[in-house]
Amino acid sequence: MNMQAIMAQARKLQGELEKTTKEIDNTIFNYENDNILVECNGKNEIKKITIKNEDVLEDREMLEDIVLVAVNNVLEKVKTEKDKKLGKYTNGLGGLF
């Protein structure tokens, strides 16, 4: 394989990687249960937190735990999606991405 072909393949892979990254960044991920709804985009930016059960507002410690679990869960969903979709491009690159 000549150098031009290698460079063309690298540019193609870079374009695919950028497109997939942009798609993930623009995706909204949700965590929802009876008490809370949390929305986050693929950039790990929390976009919305909705308390669905007003009873939890009376117990600060419970509310803090509910928010903590919800945020961690939605961020894990983002990470899992990134690993799944970007892993084919980044595996074997020693953590460069």
N, C-alpha and C. Protein backbone atom coordinates (compact mmCIF):
# COMPACT_ATOMS: atom_id res chain seq x y z
N MET A 1 0.86 -1.18 0.00
CA MET A 1 0.00 0.00 0.00
C MET A 1 0.90 1.24 0.00
N ASN A 2 0.61 2.16 -0.88
CA ASN A 2 1.44 3.35 -0.96
C ASN A 2 0.99 4.40 0.06
N MET A 3 1.80 5.41 0.23
CA MET A 3 1.56 6.43 1.25
C MET A 3 0.28 7.23 0.96
N GLN A 4 -0.01 7.51 -0.30
CA GLN A 4 -1.23 8.25 -0.63
C GLN A 4 -2.47 7.47 -0.24
N ALA A 5 -2.45 6.19 -0.46
CA ALA A 5 -3.59 5.35 -0.10
C ALA A 5 -3.77 5.31 1.41
N ILE A 6 -2.68 5.24 2.14
CA ILE A 6 -2.73 5.24 3.60
C ILE A 6 -3.30 6.56 4.10
N MET A 7 -2.85 7.66 3.53
CA MET A 7 -3.34 8.98 3.94
C MET A 7 -4.82 9.15 3.61
N ALA A 8 -5.25 8.64 2.46
CA ALA A 8 -6.66 8.73 2.08
C ALA A 8 -7.52 7.92 3.05
N GLN A 9 -7.03 6.75 3.43
CA GLN A 9 -7.75 5.92 4.39
C GLN A 9 -7.82 6.62 5.76
N ALA A 10 -6.73 7.25 6.16
CA ALA A 10 -6.70 7.96 7.45
C ALA A 10 -7.70 9.13 7.44
N ARG A 11 -7.76 9.88 6.33
CA ARG A 11 -8.71 10.98 6.22
C ARG A 11 -10.16 10.48 6.28
N LYS A 12 -10.41 9.35 5.63
CA LYS A 12 -11.75 8.77 5.64
C LYS A 12 -12.13 8.37 7.06
N LEU A 13 -11.23 7.70 7.76
CA LEU A 13 -11.50 7.29 9.14
C LEU A 13 -11.70 8.50 10.05
N GLN A 14 -10.90 9.54 9.84
CA GLN A 14 -11.05 10.76 10.64
C GLN A 14 -12.41 11.38 10.41
N GLY A 15 -12.86 11.42 9.17
CA GLY A 15 -14.17 11.97 8.86
C GLY A 15 -15.29 11.16 9.50
N GLU A 16 -15.17 9.84 9.46
CA GLU A 16 -16.17 8.98 10.09
C GLU A 16 -16.18 9.19 11.61
N LEU A 17 -15.01 9.30 12.19
CA LEU A 17 -14.89 9.52 13.63
C LEU A 17 -15.53 10.85 14.03
N GLU A 18 -15.26 11.90 13.27
CA GLU A 18 -15.83 13.21 13.57
C GLU A 18 -17.35 13.20 13.43
N LYS A 19 -17.86 12.52 12.39
CA LYS A 19 -19.30 12.44 12.17
C LYS A 19 -19.97 11.69 13.32
N THR A 20 -19.40 10.56 13.72
CA THR A 20 -19.97 9.77 14.81
C THR A 20 -19.91 10.54 16.13
N THR A 21 -18.81 11.23 16.38
CA THR A 21 -18.68 12.03 17.60
C THR A 21 -19.75 13.12 17.63
N LYS A 22 -19.97 13.79 16.52
CA LYS A 22 -20.98 14.85 16.45
C LYS A 22 -22.38 14.29 16.70
N GLU A 23 -22.66 13.11 16.12
CA GLU A 23 -23.96 12.47 16.34
C GLU A 23 -24.18 12.17 17.82
N ILE A 24 -23.16 11.63 18.47
CA ILE A 24 -23.26 11.32 19.90
C ILE A 24 -23.43 12.61 20.70
N ASP A 25 -22.64 13.62 20.39
CA ASP A 25 -22.71 14.90 21.11
C ASP A 25 -24.10 15.51 21.06
N ASN A 26 -24.81 15.30 19.95
CA ASN A 26 -26.14 15.88 19.77
C ASN A 26 -27.28 14.98 20.25
N THR A 27 -26.95 13.79 20.71
CA THR A 27 -27.95 12.86 21.22
C THR A 27 -28.31 13.23 22.66
N ILE A 28 -29.59 13.13 22.99
CA ILE A 28 -30.05 13.35 24.36
C ILE A 28 -30.25 11.99 25.02
N PHE A 29 -29.60 11.82 26.16
CA PHE A 29 -29.70 10.59 26.95
C PHE A 29 -30.56 10.89 28.17
N ASN A 30 -31.39 9.92 28.57
CA ASN A 30 -32.32 10.12 29.69
C ASN A 30 -32.11 9.08 30.77
N TYR A 31 -32.35 9.50 31.97
CA TYR A 31 -32.57 8.59 33.10
C TYR A 31 -33.88 9.03 33.72
N GLU A 32 -34.77 8.08 33.95
CA GLU A 32 -36.06 8.44 34.51
C GLU A 32 -36.56 7.32 35.42
N ASN A 33 -37.13 7.73 36.53
CA ASN A 33 -37.87 6.82 37.40
C ASN A 33 -39.07 7.57 37.94
N ASP A 34 -39.72 7.03 38.94
CA ASP A 34 -40.93 7.67 39.48
C ASP A 34 -40.66 9.02 40.12
N ASN A 35 -39.41 9.26 40.50
CA ASN A 35 -39.07 10.47 41.25
C ASN A 35 -38.42 11.58 40.42
N ILE A 36 -37.70 11.21 39.36
CA ILE A 36 -36.85 12.19 38.69
C ILE A 36 -36.67 11.86 37.21
N LEU A 37 -36.41 12.89 36.44
CA LEU A 37 -36.01 12.76 35.04
C LEU A 37 -34.76 13.61 34.87
N VAL A 38 -33.71 13.02 34.30
CA VAL A 38 -32.48 13.75 34.00
C VAL A 38 -32.18 13.56 32.52
N GLU A 39 -31.90 14.66 31.84
CA GLU A 39 -31.52 14.64 30.43
C GLU A 39 -30.11 15.19 30.30
N CYS A 40 -29.32 14.52 29.48
CA CYS A 40 -27.91 14.88 29.29
C CYS A 40 -27.58 14.69 27.81
N ASN A 41 -26.72 15.54 27.27
CA ASN A 41 -26.30 15.32 25.89
C ASN A 41 -24.99 14.52 25.88
N GLY A 42 -24.54 14.18 24.69
CA GLY A 42 -23.33 13.38 24.54
C GLY A 42 -22.05 14.08 24.93
N LYS A 43 -22.13 15.36 25.24
CA LYS A 43 -20.97 16.12 25.74
C LYS A 43 -20.92 16.11 27.26
N ASN A 44 -21.77 15.28 27.88
CA ASN A 44 -21.87 15.19 29.34
C ASN A 44 -22.39 16.48 29.97
N GLU A 45 -23.20 17.22 29.25
CA GLU A 45 -23.82 18.42 29.79
C GLU A 45 -25.25 18.08 30.22
N ILE A 46 -25.53 18.27 31.51
CA ILE A 46 -26.88 18.03 32.00
C ILE A 46 -27.76 19.14 31.44
N LYS A 47 -28.80 18.75 30.73
CA LYS A 47 -29.68 19.72 30.09
C LYS A 47 -30.96 19.97 30.86
N LYS A 48 -31.37 18.98 31.67
CA LYS A 48 -32.64 19.14 32.36
C LYS A 48 -32.69 18.17 33.54
N ILE A 49 -33.19 18.66 34.66
CA ILE A 49 -33.50 17.82 35.81
C ILE A 49 -34.93 18.18 36.23
N THR A 50 -35.80 17.19 36.23
CA THR A 50 -37.18 17.39 36.62
C THR A 50 -37.50 16.49 37.81
N ILE A 51 -37.94 17.10 38.90
CA ILE A 51 -38.41 16.33 40.06
C ILE A 51 -39.87 15.99 39.79
N LYS A 52 -40.15 14.70 39.65
CA LYS A 52 -41.50 14.26 39.30
C LYS A 52 -42.37 13.97 40.51
N ASN A 53 -41.74 13.69 41.63
CA ASN A 53 -42.48 13.35 42.85
C ASN A 53 -42.15 14.40 43.91
N GLU A 54 -43.08 15.28 44.15
CA GLU A 54 -42.83 16.38 45.09
C GLU A 54 -42.62 15.91 46.53
N ASP A 55 -43.02 14.70 46.84
CA ASP A 55 -42.82 14.18 48.20
C ASP A 55 -41.33 14.11 48.56
N VAL A 56 -40.47 13.90 47.57
CA VAL A 56 -39.03 13.80 47.87
C VAL A 56 -38.45 15.15 48.27
N LEU A 57 -39.15 16.22 47.99
CA LEU A 57 -38.66 17.55 48.37
C LEU A 57 -38.65 17.75 49.88
N GLU A 58 -39.41 16.94 50.57
CA GLU A 58 -39.49 17.04 52.02
C GLU A 58 -38.32 16.36 52.72
N ASP A 59 -37.58 15.52 51.99
CA ASP A 59 -36.47 14.78 52.58
C ASP A 59 -35.20 15.10 51.78
N ARG A 60 -34.44 16.06 52.29
CA ARG A 60 -33.26 16.55 51.58
C ARG A 60 -32.26 15.44 51.27
N GLU A 61 -31.99 14.59 52.22
CA GLU A 61 -31.02 13.52 52.02
C GLU A 61 -31.47 12.55 50.93
N MET A 62 -32.75 12.22 50.93
CA MET A 62 -33.28 11.33 49.91
C MET A 62 -33.19 12.00 48.53
N LEU A 63 -33.53 13.27 48.46
CA LEU A 63 -33.46 14.00 47.19
C LEU A 63 -32.03 14.03 46.66
N GLU A 64 -31.09 14.30 47.55
CA GLU A 64 -29.68 14.31 47.13
C GLU A 64 -29.27 12.95 46.58
N ASP A 65 -29.68 11.87 47.25
CA ASP A 65 -29.36 10.52 46.77
C ASP A 65 -30.00 10.23 45.42
N ILE A 66 -31.25 10.65 45.25
CA ILE A 66 -31.96 10.42 43.99
C ILE A 66 -31.27 11.15 42.84
N VAL A 67 -30.88 12.40 43.07
CA VAL A 67 -30.21 13.19 42.04
C VAL A 67 -28.85 12.57 41.72
N LEU A 68 -28.12 12.17 42.73
CA LEU A 68 -26.80 11.57 42.54
C LEU A 68 -26.89 10.30 41.69
N VAL A 69 -27.81 9.42 42.03
CA VAL A 69 -27.99 8.18 41.28
C VAL A 69 -28.39 8.47 39.84
N ALA A 70 -29.32 9.40 39.66
CA ALA A 70 -29.81 9.73 38.32
C ALA A 70 -28.71 10.31 37.44
N VAL A 71 -27.95 11.25 37.97
CA VAL A 71 -26.88 11.87 37.19
C VAL A 71 -25.81 10.85 36.84
N ASN A 72 -25.40 10.05 37.80
CA ASN A 72 -24.39 9.02 37.52
C ASN A 72 -24.88 8.02 36.48
N ASN A 73 -26.16 7.66 36.54
CA ASN A 73 -26.71 6.71 35.59
C ASN A 73 -26.73 7.28 34.18
N VAL A 74 -27.18 8.51 34.02
CA VAL A 74 -27.26 9.08 32.67
C VAL A 74 -25.85 9.31 32.10
N LEU A 75 -24.88 9.68 32.95
CA LEU A 75 -23.51 9.84 32.47
C LEU A 75 -22.91 8.49 32.06
N GLU A 76 -23.28 7.43 32.75
CA GLU A 76 -22.83 6.09 32.38
C GLU A 76 -23.42 5.67 31.03
N LYS A 77 -24.67 6.06 30.77
CA LYS A 77 -25.28 5.78 29.47
C LYS A 77 -24.50 6.47 28.35
N VAL A 78 -24.09 7.71 28.57
CA VAL A 78 -23.31 8.44 27.57
C VAL A 78 -21.98 7.71 27.34
N LYS A 79 -21.31 7.34 28.40
CA LYS A 79 -20.01 6.65 28.28
C LYS A 79 -20.16 5.34 27.53
N THR A 80 -21.20 4.57 27.86
CA THR A 80 -21.43 3.29 27.19
C THR A 80 -21.65 3.48 25.69
N GLU A 81 -22.43 4.49 25.34
CA GLU A 81 -22.70 4.78 23.92
C GLU A 81 -21.42 5.18 23.20
N LYS A 82 -20.61 6.02 23.85
CA LYS A 82 -19.34 6.44 23.24
C LYS A 82 -18.42 5.25 23.06
N ASP A 83 -18.32 4.41 24.07
CA ASP A 83 -17.47 3.22 23.98
C ASP A 83 -17.93 2.31 22.85
N LYS A 84 -19.26 2.15 22.74
CA LYS A 84 -19.81 1.26 21.72
C LYS A 84 -19.56 1.80 20.30
N LYS A 85 -19.84 3.08 20.10
CA LYS A 85 -19.77 3.64 18.74
C LYS A 85 -18.37 4.12 18.35
N LEU A 86 -17.60 4.59 19.31
CA LEU A 86 -16.27 5.10 18.97
C LEU A 86 -15.17 4.07 19.18
N GLY A 87 -15.48 3.00 19.88
CA GLY A 87 -14.49 1.98 20.18
C GLY A 87 -13.84 1.38 18.95
N LYS A 88 -14.62 1.24 17.88
CA LYS A 88 -14.06 0.65 16.66
C LYS A 88 -13.00 1.56 16.03
N TYR A 89 -13.04 2.84 16.34
CA TYR A 89 -12.04 3.77 15.82
C TYR A 89 -10.86 3.93 16.77
N THR A 90 -11.13 3.83 18.06
CA THR A 90 -10.10 4.19 19.05
C THR A 90 -9.43 2.99 19.70
N ASN A 91 -9.98 1.80 19.60
CA ASN A 91 -9.33 0.63 20.19
C ASN A 91 -7.93 0.47 19.59
N GLY A 92 -6.98 0.24 20.46
CA GLY A 92 -5.62 0.03 20.00
C GLY A 92 -4.83 1.30 19.80
N LEU A 93 -5.41 2.45 20.09
CA LEU A 93 -4.69 3.71 19.93
C LEU A 93 -4.11 4.21 21.25
N GLY A 94 -4.12 3.35 22.25
CA GLY A 94 -3.46 3.68 23.51
C GLY A 94 -4.06 4.85 24.25
N GLY A 95 -5.35 5.04 24.16
CA GLY A 95 -6.01 6.10 24.92
C GLY A 95 -5.80 7.48 24.34
N LEU A 96 -5.46 7.59 23.08
CA LEU A 96 -5.29 8.91 22.47
C LEU A 96 -6.61 9.67 22.37
N PHE A 97 -7.73 8.94 22.39
CA PHE A 97 -9.04 9.58 22.25
C PHE A 97 -9.85 9.37 23.49
